[in-house]
């Protein structure tokens, strides 16, 4: 009984801390520009149900949150190749991956 009381005391703290993790920026599949601001990536489109829905590109090296994503690419499981540019001084409600502005994109599968 006493153990259950201890768990209940720390439950709110555990819930808060479980949502905290360092945001690890996605590494590019291939860097296009010398300053590393432009990247060419290949990944799979996924819709995360956060803040009303957030689209991400899941790559083999991390997650990218695309800005300016064309509607025709908003398909769950779609494999894409994209050229993206680092987005500076931008924030979103989603905060689920490295923010990148889409410069070009093509469907692979």
PDB file of N, CA and C in Angstrom:
ATOM      1  N   UNK A   1       0.829  -1.193   0.000  1.00  0.00           N
ATOM      2  CA  UNK A   1       0.000   0.000   0.000  1.00  0.00           C
ATOM      3  C   UNK A   1       0.872   1.254   0.000  1.00  0.00           C
ATOM      4  N   UNK A   2       1.950   1.192   0.783  1.00  0.00           N
ATOM      5  CA  UNK A   2       2.826   2.354   0.881  1.00  0.00           C
ATOM      6  C   UNK A   2       3.534   2.614  -0.452  1.00  0.00           C
ATOM      7  N   UNK A   3       3.912   1.558  -1.174  1.00  0.00           N
ATOM      8  CA  UNK A   3       4.573   1.704  -2.475  1.00  0.00           C
ATOM      9  C   UNK A   3       3.648   2.381  -3.468  1.00  0.00           C
ATOM     10  N   UNK A   4       2.385   2.022  -3.462  1.00  0.00           N
ATOM     11  CA  UNK A   4       1.418   2.629  -4.366  1.00  0.00           C
ATOM     12  C   UNK A   4       1.301   4.124  -4.093  1.00  0.00           C
ATOM     13  N   UNK A   5       1.364   4.522  -2.841  1.00  0.00           N
ATOM     14  CA  UNK A   5       1.312   5.937  -2.474  1.00  0.00           C
ATOM     15  C   UNK A   5       2.517   6.691  -3.000  1.00  0.00           C
ATOM     16  N   UNK A   6       3.698   6.055  -2.955  1.00  0.00           N
ATOM     17  CA  UNK A   6       4.926   6.664  -3.483  1.00  0.00           C
ATOM     18  C   UNK A   6       4.831   6.886  -4.985  1.00  0.00           C
ATOM     19  N   UNK A   7       4.329   5.891  -5.684  1.00  0.00           N
ATOM     20  CA  UNK A   7       4.181   6.000  -7.136  1.00  0.00           C
ATOM     21  C   UNK A   7       3.227   7.138  -7.470  1.00  0.00           C
ATOM     22  N   UNK A   8       2.144   7.249  -6.733  1.00  0.00           N
ATOM     23  CA  UNK A   8       1.161   8.309  -6.970  1.00  0.00           C
ATOM     24  C   UNK A   8       1.765   9.688  -6.733  1.00  0.00           C
ATOM     25  N   UNK A   9       2.698   9.805  -5.787  1.00  0.00           N
ATOM     26  CA  UNK A   9       3.345  11.084  -5.515  1.00  0.00           C
ATOM     27  C   UNK A   9       4.183  11.548  -6.705  1.00  0.00           C
ATOM     28  N   UNK A  10       4.842  10.607  -7.354  1.00  0.00           N
ATOM     29  CA  UNK A  10       5.760  10.957  -8.434  1.00  0.00           C
ATOM     30  C   UNK A  10       5.128  10.858  -9.823  1.00  0.00           C
ATOM     31  N   UNK A  11       3.901  10.422  -9.929  1.00  0.00           N
ATOM     32  CA  UNK A  11       3.254  10.248 -11.231  1.00  0.00           C
ATOM     33  C   UNK A  11       3.227  11.538 -12.054  1.00  0.00           C
ATOM     34  N   UNK A  12       2.844  12.691 -11.474  1.00  0.00           N
ATOM     35  CA  UNK A  12       2.842  13.920 -12.286  1.00  0.00           C
ATOM     36  C   UNK A  12       4.240  14.275 -12.819  1.00  0.00           C
ATOM     37  N   UNK A  13       5.262  14.109 -11.999  1.00  0.00           N
ATOM     38  CA  UNK A  13       6.628  14.394 -12.426  1.00  0.00           C
ATOM     39  C   UNK A  13       7.054  13.452 -13.540  1.00  0.00           C
ATOM     40  N   UNK A  14       6.726  12.182 -13.411  1.00  0.00           N
ATOM     41  CA  UNK A  14       7.075  11.213 -14.447  1.00  0.00           C
ATOM     42  C   UNK A  14       6.366  11.525 -15.759  1.00  0.00           C
ATOM     43  N   UNK A  15       5.129  11.980 -15.682  1.00  0.00           N
ATOM     44  CA  UNK A  15       4.393  12.327 -16.899  1.00  0.00           C
ATOM     45  C   UNK A  15       5.028  13.525 -17.595  1.00  0.00           C
ATOM     46  N   UNK A  16       5.463  14.506 -16.832  1.00  0.00           N
ATOM     47  CA  UNK A  16       6.105  15.686 -17.417  1.00  0.00           C
ATOM     48  C   UNK A  16       7.437  15.312 -18.049  1.00  0.00           C
ATOM     49  N   UNK A  17       8.240  14.539 -17.327  1.00  0.00           N
ATOM     50  CA  UNK A  17       9.570  14.185 -17.826  1.00  0.00           C
ATOM     51  C   UNK A  17       9.525  13.226 -19.008  1.00  0.00           C
ATOM     52  N   UNK A  18       8.484  12.430 -19.120  1.00  0.00           N
ATOM     53  CA  UNK A  18       8.413  11.489 -20.236  1.00  0.00           C
ATOM     54  C   UNK A  18       8.258  12.203 -21.568  1.00  0.00           C
ATOM     55  N   UNK A  19       7.757  13.430 -21.554  1.00  0.00           N
ATOM     56  CA  UNK A  19       7.621  14.208 -22.779  1.00  0.00           C
ATOM     57  C   UNK A  19       8.862  14.999 -23.133  1.00  0.00           C
ATOM     58  N   UNK A  20       9.855  15.021 -22.265  1.00  0.00           N
ATOM     59  CA  UNK A  20      11.071  15.802 -22.497  1.00  0.00           C
ATOM     60  C   UNK A  20      12.166  14.914 -23.060  1.00  0.00           C
ATOM     61  N   UNK A  21      12.686  15.301 -24.183  1.00  0.00           N
ATOM     62  CA  UNK A  21      13.824  14.597 -24.758  1.00  0.00           C
ATOM     63  C   UNK A  21      14.578  15.571 -25.651  1.00  0.00           C
ATOM     64  N   UNK A  22      15.880  15.392 -25.796  1.00  0.00           N
ATOM     65  CA  UNK A  22      16.620  16.308 -26.664  1.00  0.00           C
ATOM     66  C   UNK A  22      16.195  16.127 -28.112  1.00  0.00           C
ATOM     67  N   UNK A  23      16.002  17.238 -28.820  1.00  0.00           N
ATOM     68  CA  UNK A  23      15.615  17.183 -30.220  1.00  0.00           C
ATOM     69  C   UNK A  23      16.884  17.007 -31.043  1.00  0.00           C
ATOM     70  N   UNK A  24      17.077  15.816 -31.543  1.00  0.00           N
ATOM     71  CA  UNK A  24      18.271  15.500 -32.302  1.00  0.00           C
ATOM     72  C   UNK A  24      18.021  15.870 -33.757  1.00  0.00           C
ATOM     73  N   UNK A  25      18.811  16.803 -34.324  1.00  0.00           N
ATOM     74  CA  UNK A  25      18.586  17.171 -35.711  1.00  0.00           C
ATOM     75  C   UNK A  25      18.886  16.014 -36.647  1.00  0.00           C
ATOM     76  N   UNK A  26      18.092  15.919 -37.712  1.00  0.00           N
ATOM     77  CA  UNK A  26      18.297  14.852 -38.694  1.00  0.00           C
ATOM     78  C   UNK A  26      19.567  15.117 -39.492  1.00  0.00           C
ATOM     79  N   UNK A  27      20.314  14.066 -39.727  1.00  0.00           N
ATOM     80  CA  UNK A  27      21.520  14.184 -40.542  1.00  0.00           C
ATOM     81  C   UNK A  27      21.121  14.019 -42.007  1.00  0.00           C
ATOM     82  N   UNK A  28      21.738  14.769 -42.888  1.00  0.00           N
ATOM     83  CA  UNK A  28      21.359  14.668 -44.288  1.00  0.00           C
ATOM     84  C   UNK A  28      21.833  13.374 -44.923  1.00  0.00           C
ATOM     85  N   UNK A  29      21.053  12.872 -45.891  1.00  0.00           N
ATOM     86  CA  UNK A  29      21.486  11.711 -46.648  1.00  0.00           C
ATOM     87  C   UNK A  29      22.636  12.120 -47.570  1.00  0.00           C
ATOM     88  N   UNK A  30      22.555  13.323 -48.092  1.00  0.00           N
ATOM     89  CA  UNK A  30      23.607  13.839 -48.959  1.00  0.00           C
ATOM     90  C   UNK A  30      23.564  15.355 -48.910  1.00  0.00           C
ATOM     91  N   UNK A  31      24.684  15.974 -48.619  1.00  0.00           N
ATOM     92  CA  UNK A  31      24.765  17.427 -48.564  1.00  0.00           C
ATOM     93  C   UNK A  31      25.018  17.950 -49.965  1.00  0.00           C
ATOM     94  N   UNK A  32      24.256  18.959 -50.371  1.00  0.00           N
ATOM     95  CA  UNK A  32      24.381  19.521 -51.710  1.00  0.00           C
ATOM     96  C   UNK A  32      25.228  20.786 -51.702  1.00  0.00           C
ATOM     97  N   UNK A  33      25.096  21.618 -50.677  1.00  0.00           N
ATOM     98  CA  UNK A  33      25.830  22.882 -50.650  1.00  0.00           C
ATOM     99  C   UNK A  33      26.972  22.818 -49.641  1.00  0.00           C
ATOM    100  N   UNK A  34      28.042  23.564 -49.895  1.00  0.00           N
ATOM    101  CA  UNK A  34      29.195  23.544 -48.984  1.00  0.00           C
ATOM    102  C   UNK A  34      28.855  23.977 -47.559  1.00  0.00           C
ATOM    103  N   UNK A  35      27.904  24.900 -47.401  1.00  0.00           N
ATOM    104  CA  UNK A  35      27.564  25.366 -46.056  1.00  0.00           C
ATOM    105  C   UNK A  35      26.534  24.455 -45.375  1.00  0.00           C
ATOM    106  N   UNK A  36      26.175  23.355 -46.010  1.00  0.00           N
ATOM    107  CA  UNK A  36      25.261  22.337 -45.493  1.00  0.00           C
ATOM    108  C   UNK A  36      23.838  22.839 -45.273  1.00  0.00           C
ATOM    109  N   UNK A  37      23.475  23.970 -45.895  1.00  0.00           N
ATOM    110  CA  UNK A  37      22.117  24.477 -45.730  1.00  0.00           C
ATOM    111  C   UNK A  37      21.136  23.807 -46.689  1.00  0.00           C
ATOM    112  N   UNK A  38      21.651  23.206 -47.782  1.00  0.00           N
ATOM    113  CA  UNK A  38      20.800  22.494 -48.734  1.00  0.00           C
ATOM    114  C   UNK A  38      21.164  21.019 -48.689  1.00  0.00           C
ATOM    115  N   UNK A  39      20.118  20.172 -48.609  1.00  0.00           N
ATOM    116  CA  UNK A  39      20.327  18.731 -48.503  1.00  0.00           C
ATOM    117  C   UNK A  39      19.428  18.003 -49.487  1.00  0.00           C
ATOM    118  N   UNK A  40      19.897  16.893 -49.987  1.00  0.00           N
ATOM    119  CA  UNK A  40      19.071  16.004 -50.816  1.00  0.00           C
ATOM    120  C   UNK A  40      18.791  14.780 -49.956  1.00  0.00           C
ATOM    121  N   UNK A  41      17.524  14.461 -49.786  1.00  0.00           N
ATOM    122  CA  UNK A  41      17.134  13.368 -48.885  1.00  0.00           C
ATOM    123  C   UNK A  41      16.192  12.396 -49.583  1.00  0.00           C
ATOM    124  N   UNK A  42      16.123  11.187 -49.062  1.00  0.00           N
ATOM    125  CA  UNK A  42      15.136  10.191 -49.468  1.00  0.00           C
ATOM    126  C   UNK A  42      14.483   9.702 -48.182  1.00  0.00           C
ATOM    127  N   UNK A  43      13.163   9.654 -48.176  1.00  0.00           N
ATOM    128  CA  UNK A  43      12.477   9.212 -46.969  1.00  0.00           C
ATOM    129  C   UNK A  43      11.023   8.867 -47.232  1.00  0.00           C
ATOM    130  N   UNK A  44      10.326   8.528 -46.160  1.00  0.00           N
ATOM    131  CA  UNK A  44       8.931   8.108 -46.223  1.00  0.00           C
ATOM    132  C   UNK A  44       8.062   9.130 -45.498  1.00  0.00           C
ATOM    133  N   UNK A  45       6.963   9.515 -46.142  1.00  0.00           N
ATOM    134  CA  UNK A  45       6.033  10.480 -45.572  1.00  0.00           C
ATOM    135  C   UNK A  45       5.184   9.810 -44.485  1.00  0.00           C
ATOM    136  N   UNK A  46       5.037  10.509 -43.352  1.00  0.00           N
ATOM    137  CA  UNK A  46       4.183  10.018 -42.263  1.00  0.00           C
ATOM    138  C   UNK A  46       3.424  11.190 -41.662  1.00  0.00           C
ATOM    139  N   UNK A  47       2.174  10.932 -41.313  1.00  0.00           N
ATOM    140  CA  UNK A  47       1.355  11.924 -40.627  1.00  0.00           C
ATOM    141  C   UNK A  47       1.321  11.568 -39.148  1.00  0.00           C
ATOM    142  N   UNK A  48       1.805  12.475 -38.313  1.00  0.00           N
ATOM    143  CA  UNK A  48       1.764  12.294 -36.862  1.00  0.00           C
ATOM    144  C   UNK A  48       0.577  13.086 -36.330  1.00  0.00           C
ATOM    145  N   UNK A  49      -0.209  12.463 -35.467  1.00  0.00           N
ATOM    146  CA  UNK A  49      -1.392  13.132 -34.937  1.00  0.00           C
ATOM    147  C   UNK A  49      -1.024  13.959 -33.711  1.00  0.00           C
ATOM    148  N   UNK A  50      -0.311  15.045 -33.979  1.00  0.00           N
ATOM    149  CA  UNK A  50       0.104  16.001 -32.949  1.00  0.00           C
ATOM    150  C   UNK A  50      -0.399  17.367 -33.396  1.00  0.00           C
ATOM    151  N   UNK A  51      -0.973  18.142 -32.507  1.00  0.00           N
ATOM    152  CA  UNK A  51      -1.418  19.503 -32.815  1.00  0.00           C
ATOM    153  C   UNK A  51      -2.268  19.563 -34.087  1.00  0.00           C
ATOM    154  N   UNK A  52      -3.150  18.607 -34.276  1.00  0.00           N
ATOM    155  CA  UNK A  52      -4.028  18.610 -35.427  1.00  0.00           C
ATOM    156  C   UNK A  52      -3.450  17.917 -36.653  1.00  0.00           C
ATOM    157  N   UNK A  53      -2.262  17.371 -36.543  1.00  0.00           N
ATOM    158  CA  UNK A  53      -1.642  16.634 -37.642  1.00  0.00           C
ATOM    159  C   UNK A  53      -0.391  17.307 -38.153  1.00  0.00           C
ATOM    160  N   UNK A  54       0.720  16.569 -38.166  1.00  0.00           N
ATOM    161  CA  UNK A  54       2.006  17.094 -38.617  1.00  0.00           C
ATOM    162  C   UNK A  54       2.641  16.097 -39.581  1.00  0.00           C
ATOM    163  N   UNK A  55       2.994  16.566 -40.771  1.00  0.00           N
ATOM    164  CA  UNK A  55       3.662  15.707 -41.741  1.00  0.00           C
ATOM    165  C   UNK A  55       5.159  15.731 -41.503  1.00  0.00           C
ATOM    166  N   UNK A  56       5.779  14.552 -41.588  1.00  0.00           N
ATOM    167  CA  UNK A  56       7.230  14.436 -41.454  1.00  0.00           C
ATOM    168  C   UNK A  56       7.758  13.523 -42.557  1.00  0.00           C
ATOM    169  N   UNK A  57       9.038  13.691 -42.853  1.00  0.00           N
ATOM    170  CA  UNK A  57       9.736  12.775 -43.743  1.00  0.00           C
ATOM    171  C   UNK A  57      10.683  11.985 -42.858  1.00  0.00           C
ATOM    172  N   UNK A  58      10.449  10.696 -42.779  1.00  0.00           N
ATOM    173  CA  UNK A  58      11.274   9.811 -41.953  1.00  0.00           C
ATOM    174  C   UNK A  58      12.400   9.279 -42.846  1.00  0.00           C
ATOM    175  N   UNK A  59      13.656   9.645 -42.517  1.00  0.00           N
ATOM    176  CA  UNK A  59      14.807   9.173 -43.293  1.00  0.00           C
ATOM    177  C   UNK A  59      15.551   8.125 -42.477  1.00  0.00           C
ATOM    178  N   UNK A  60      16.564   7.515 -43.070  1.00  0.00           N
ATOM    179  CA  UNK A  60      17.336   6.517 -42.327  1.00  0.00           C
ATOM    180  C   UNK A  60      18.228   7.168 -41.275  1.00  0.00           C
ATOM    181  N   UNK A  61      18.313   8.491 -41.279  1.00  0.00           N
ATOM    182  CA  UNK A  61      19.155   9.181 -40.306  1.00  0.00           C
ATOM    183  C   UNK A  61      18.386  10.113 -39.382  1.00  0.00           C
ATOM    184  N   UNK A  62      17.068  10.163 -39.508  1.00  0.00           N
ATOM    185  CA  UNK A  62      16.296  11.023 -38.619  1.00  0.00           C
ATOM    186  C   UNK A  62      15.002  11.490 -39.244  1.00  0.00           C
ATOM    187  N   UNK A  63      14.365  12.410 -38.578  1.00  0.00           N
ATOM    188  CA  UNK A  63      13.050  12.914 -38.975  1.00  0.00           C
ATOM    189  C   UNK A  63      13.170  14.375 -39.396  1.00  0.00           C
ATOM    190  N   UNK A  64      12.525  14.711 -40.515  1.00  0.00           N
ATOM    191  CA  UNK A  64      12.517  16.082 -41.017  1.00  0.00           C
ATOM    192  C   UNK A  64      11.080  16.553 -41.083  1.00  0.00           C
ATOM    193  N   UNK A  65      10.846  17.763 -40.623  1.00  0.00           N
ATOM    194  CA  UNK A  65       9.528  18.374 -40.721  1.00  0.00           C
ATOM    195  C   UNK A  65       9.568  19.345 -41.898  1.00  0.00           C
ATOM    196  N   UNK A  66       8.905  18.989 -43.013  1.00  0.00           N
ATOM    197  CA  UNK A  66       8.983  19.825 -44.214  1.00  0.00           C
ATOM    198  C   UNK A  66       8.059  21.038 -44.144  1.00  0.00           C
ATOM    199  N   UNK A  67       8.577  22.181 -44.560  1.00  0.00           N
ATOM    200  CA  UNK A  67       7.778  23.397 -44.678  1.00  0.00           C
ATOM    201  C   UNK A  67       7.482  23.610 -46.158  1.00  0.00           C
ATOM    202  N   UNK A  68       6.274  24.013 -46.484  1.00  0.00           N
ATOM    203  CA  UNK A  68       5.899  24.217 -47.877  1.00  0.00           C
ATOM    204  C   UNK A  68       5.681  22.912 -48.614  1.00  0.00           C
ATOM    205  N   UNK A  69       5.172  21.911 -47.898  1.00  0.00           N
ATOM    206  CA  UNK A  69       4.940  20.596 -48.484  1.00  0.00           C
ATOM    207  C   UNK A  69       3.737  20.641 -49.431  1.00  0.00           C
ATOM    208  N   UNK A  70       3.934  20.332 -50.736  1.00  0.00           N
ATOM    209  CA  UNK A  70       2.809  20.330 -51.677  1.00  0.00           C
ATOM    210  C   UNK A  70       1.765  19.274 -51.297  1.00  0.00           C
ATOM    211  N   UNK A  71       0.499  19.572 -51.542  1.00  0.00           N
ATOM    212  CA  UNK A  71      -0.613  18.689 -51.179  1.00  0.00           C
ATOM    213  C   UNK A  71      -0.477  17.282 -51.757  1.00  0.00           C
ATOM    214  N   UNK A  72       0.026  17.160 -52.984  1.00  0.00           N
ATOM    215  CA  UNK A  72       0.090  15.840 -53.625  1.00  0.00           C
ATOM    216  C   UNK A  72       1.085  14.892 -52.955  1.00  0.00           C
ATOM    217  N   UNK A  73       1.905  15.408 -52.038  1.00  0.00           N
ATOM    218  CA  UNK A  73       2.867  14.564 -51.320  1.00  0.00           C
ATOM    219  C   UNK A  73       2.379  14.201 -49.919  1.00  0.00           C
ATOM    220  N   UNK A  74       1.211  14.657 -49.553  1.00  0.00           N
ATOM    221  CA  UNK A  74       0.654  14.353 -48.228  1.00  0.00           C
ATOM    222  C   UNK A  74      -0.081  13.022 -48.280  1.00  0.00           C
ATOM    223  N   UNK A  75       0.695  11.949 -48.463  1.00  0.00           N
ATOM    224  CA  UNK A  75       0.161  10.592 -48.533  1.00  0.00           C
ATOM    225  C   UNK A  75       0.963   9.707 -47.588  1.00  0.00           C
ATOM    226  N   UNK A  76       0.298   9.085 -46.640  1.00  0.00           N
ATOM    227  CA  UNK A  76       0.949   8.203 -45.664  1.00  0.00           C
ATOM    228  C   UNK A  76       1.696   7.076 -46.375  1.00  0.00           C
ATOM    229  N   UNK A  77       2.977   6.901 -46.051  1.00  0.00           N
ATOM    230  CA  UNK A  77       3.783   5.816 -46.589  1.00  0.00           C
ATOM    231  C   UNK A  77       4.436   6.107 -47.932  1.00  0.00           C
ATOM    232  N   UNK A  78       4.195   7.269 -48.505  1.00  0.00           N
ATOM    233  CA  UNK A  78       4.788   7.637 -49.790  1.00  0.00           C
ATOM    234  C   UNK A  78       6.292   7.818 -49.640  1.00  0.00           C
ATOM    235  N   UNK A  79       7.058   7.195 -50.513  1.00  0.00           N
ATOM    236  CA  UNK A  79       8.521   7.356 -50.499  1.00  0.00           C
ATOM    237  C   UNK A  79       8.862   8.489 -51.457  1.00  0.00           C
ATOM    238  N   UNK A  80       9.666   9.447 -50.973  1.00  0.00           N
ATOM    239  CA  UNK A  80       9.985  10.641 -51.752  1.00  0.00           C
ATOM    240  C   UNK A  80      11.490  10.912 -51.776  1.00  0.00           C
ATOM    241  N   UNK A  81      11.883  11.653 -52.796  1.00  0.00           N
ATOM    242  CA  UNK A  81      13.231  12.230 -52.859  1.00  0.00           C
ATOM    243  C   UNK A  81      13.003  13.737 -52.866  1.00  0.00           C
ATOM    244  N   UNK A  82      13.736  14.454 -52.025  1.00  0.00           N
ATOM    245  CA  UNK A  82      13.517  15.894 -51.911  1.00  0.00           C
ATOM    246  C   UNK A  82      14.828  16.645 -51.764  1.00  0.00           C
ATOM    247  N   UNK A  83      14.807  17.865 -52.253  1.00  0.00           N
ATOM    248  CA  UNK A  83      15.884  18.810 -51.979  1.00  0.00           C
ATOM    249  C   UNK A  83      15.294  19.814 -51.013  1.00  0.00           C
ATOM    250  N   UNK A  84      15.943  19.961 -49.863  1.00  0.00           N
ATOM    251  CA  UNK A  84      15.422  20.827 -48.806  1.00  0.00           C
ATOM    252  C   UNK A  84      16.503  21.795 -48.349  1.00  0.00           C
ATOM    253  N   UNK A  85      16.058  22.932 -47.871  1.00  0.00           N
ATOM    254  CA  UNK A  85      16.961  23.968 -47.367  1.00  0.00           C
ATOM    255  C   UNK A  85      16.677  24.188 -45.885  1.00  0.00           C
ATOM    256  N   UNK A  86      17.724  24.396 -45.119  1.00  0.00           N
ATOM    257  CA  UNK A  86      17.572  24.660 -43.691  1.00  0.00           C
ATOM    258  C   UNK A  86      16.669  25.863 -43.479  1.00  0.00           C
ATOM    259  N   UNK A  87      15.694  25.729 -42.600  1.00  0.00           N
ATOM    260  CA  UNK A  87      14.776  26.818 -42.272  1.00  0.00           C
ATOM    261  C   UNK A  87      15.255  27.474 -40.984  1.00  0.00           C
ATOM    262  N   UNK A  88      15.635  28.711 -41.078  1.00  0.00           N
ATOM    263  CA  UNK A  88      16.145  29.438 -39.900  1.00  0.00           C
ATOM    264  C   UNK A  88      15.087  30.404 -39.384  1.00  0.00           C
ATOM    265  N   UNK A  89      15.126  30.646 -38.097  1.00  0.00           N
ATOM    266  CA  UNK A  89      14.206  31.580 -37.441  1.00  0.00           C
ATOM    267  C   UNK A  89      12.741  31.225 -37.674  1.00  0.00           C
ATOM    268  N   UNK A  90      12.447  29.922 -37.663  1.00  0.00           N
ATOM    269  CA  UNK A  90      11.077  29.438 -37.859  1.00  0.00           C
ATOM    270  C   UNK A  90      10.741  28.470 -36.736  1.00  0.00           C
ATOM    271  N   UNK A  91       9.498  28.546 -36.258  1.00  0.00           N
ATOM    272  CA  UNK A  91       9.005  27.600 -35.258  1.00  0.00           C
ATOM    273  C   UNK A  91       7.657  27.081 -35.716  1.00  0.00           C
ATOM    274  N   UNK A  92       7.319  25.865 -35.296  1.00  0.00           N
ATOM    275  CA  UNK A  92       6.000  25.315 -35.574  1.00  0.00           C
ATOM    276  C   UNK A  92       5.422  24.762 -34.278  1.00  0.00           C
ATOM    277  N   UNK A  93       4.136  24.496 -34.295  1.00  0.00           N
ATOM    278  CA  UNK A  93       3.487  23.903 -33.120  1.00  0.00           C
ATOM    279  C   UNK A  93       3.893  22.442 -32.961  1.00  0.00           C
ATOM    280  N   UNK A  94       4.285  21.799 -34.051  1.00  0.00           N
ATOM    281  CA  UNK A  94       4.582  20.367 -34.018  1.00  0.00           C
ATOM    282  C   UNK A  94       5.898  20.057 -33.299  1.00  0.00           C
ATOM    283  N   UNK A  95       6.971  20.697 -33.685  1.00  0.00           N
ATOM    284  CA  UNK A  95       8.292  20.468 -33.090  1.00  0.00           C
ATOM    285  C   UNK A  95       8.648  18.986 -33.035  1.00  0.00           C
ATOM    286  N   UNK A  96       8.579  18.325 -34.206  1.00  0.00           N
ATOM    287  CA  UNK A  96       8.820  16.884 -34.254  1.00  0.00           C
ATOM    288  C   UNK A  96      10.036  16.495 -35.084  1.00  0.00           C
ATOM    289  N   UNK A  97      10.737  17.450 -35.635  1.00  0.00           N
ATOM    290  CA  UNK A  97      11.915  17.130 -36.439  1.00  0.00           C
ATOM    291  C   UNK A  97      12.606  18.396 -36.885  1.00  0.00           C
ATOM    292  N   UNK A  98      13.718  18.217 -37.573  1.00  0.00           N
ATOM    293  CA  UNK A  98      14.460  19.352 -38.095  1.00  0.00           C
ATOM    294  C   UNK A  98      13.619  20.055 -39.159  1.00  0.00           C
ATOM    295  N   UNK A  99      13.435  21.366 -39.034  1.00  0.00           N
ATOM    296  CA  UNK A  99      12.633  22.129 -39.984  1.00  0.00           C
ATOM    297  C   UNK A  99      13.415  22.374 -41.262  1.00  0.00           C
ATOM    298  N   UNK A 100      12.818  22.018 -42.401  1.00  0.00           N
ATOM    299  CA  UNK A 100      13.454  22.206 -43.701  1.00  0.00           C
ATOM    300  C   UNK A 100      12.420  22.722 -44.691  1.00  0.00           C
ATOM    301  N   UNK A 101      12.804  23.720 -45.479  1.00  0.00           N
ATOM    302  CA  UNK A 101      11.966  24.259 -46.548  1.00  0.00           C
ATOM    303  C   UNK A 101      12.119  23.390 -47.777  1.00  0.00           C
ATOM    304  N   UNK A 102      11.028  22.915 -48.336  1.00  0.00           N
ATOM    305  CA  UNK A 102      11.067  22.048 -49.521  1.00  0.00           C
ATOM    306  C   UNK A 102      11.347  22.907 -50.747  1.00  0.00           C
ATOM    307  N   UNK A 103      12.413  22.562 -51.463  1.00  0.00           N
ATOM    308  CA  UNK A 103      12.740  23.249 -52.723  1.00  0.00           C
ATOM    309  C   UNK A 103      12.235  22.459 -53.920  1.00  0.00           C
ATOM    310  N   UNK A 104      12.360  21.145 -53.857  1.00  0.00           N
ATOM    311  CA  UNK A 104      11.821  20.271 -54.907  1.00  0.00           C
ATOM    312  C   UNK A 104      11.553  18.913 -54.292  1.00  0.00           C
ATOM    313  N   UNK A 105      10.614  18.173 -54.919  1.00  0.00           N
ATOM    314  CA  UNK A 105      10.253  16.869 -54.380  1.00  0.00           C
ATOM    315  C   UNK A 105       9.701  15.998 -55.494  1.00  0.00           C
ATOM    316  N   UNK A 106      10.007  14.697 -55.428  1.00  0.00           N
ATOM    317  CA  UNK A 106       9.456  13.760 -56.393  1.00  0.00           C
ATOM    318  C   UNK A 106       9.055  12.466 -55.707  1.00  0.00           C
ATOM    319  N   UNK A 107       8.027  11.822 -56.260  1.00  0.00           N
ATOM    320  CA  UNK A 107       7.545  10.555 -55.720  1.00  0.00           C
ATOM    321  C   UNK A 107       8.432   9.433 -56.246  1.00  0.00           C
ATOM    322  N   UNK A 108       8.818   8.523 -55.345  1.00  0.00           N
ATOM    323  CA  UNK A 108       9.584   7.360 -55.756  1.00  0.00           C
ATOM    324  C   UNK A 108       8.721   6.102 -55.740  1.00  0.00           C
ATOM    325  N   UNK A 109       7.874   5.934 -54.722  1.00  0.00           N
ATOM    326  CA  UNK A 109       6.968   4.772 -54.609  1.00  0.00           C
ATOM    327  C   UNK A 109       5.718   5.183 -53.896  1.00  0.00           C
TER     328      UNK A 109
END
